[in-house]
Amino acid sequence: MQSKQRKFYNFIQRVFLNKYFFVLFLFFVYLIFFDDHNLIKRFRTKQEIRQLEQEYKYYIDEIETDKAKINQLNNDSIFLEKFARERYYMKKDNEDVFILK
């Protein structure tokens, strides 16, 4: 049992004290934390891209619904009157408007 542990310890010691391993380790640490394009910034940027894509989809949908409303307002006089009454509280001369909230 002692010899297996000793062999394992020697193997680990050879690997971690190897100059190539040490240089590679320092290189990866530099890439992960200190580089201009490090992993932390990449993660944050990816999250921001996802958020902006969601906003983009939301606004595209809003544009489509607004285009449909504009088209309906231009073509349907009944809908136009309803929209003006509900949104801008317009009325005819002989009417009274009561606003309930």
Foldseek 3Di string as FASTA:
>chain_A
DVVVVVVVVVVVCCQVPDPVNVVVVVVLVCQQPPDPPHPVVVVVVVVVVVVVVVVVVVVVVVVVVVVVVVVCCVPPVVVVVVCCCVPVVDDDPPDDDDDDD
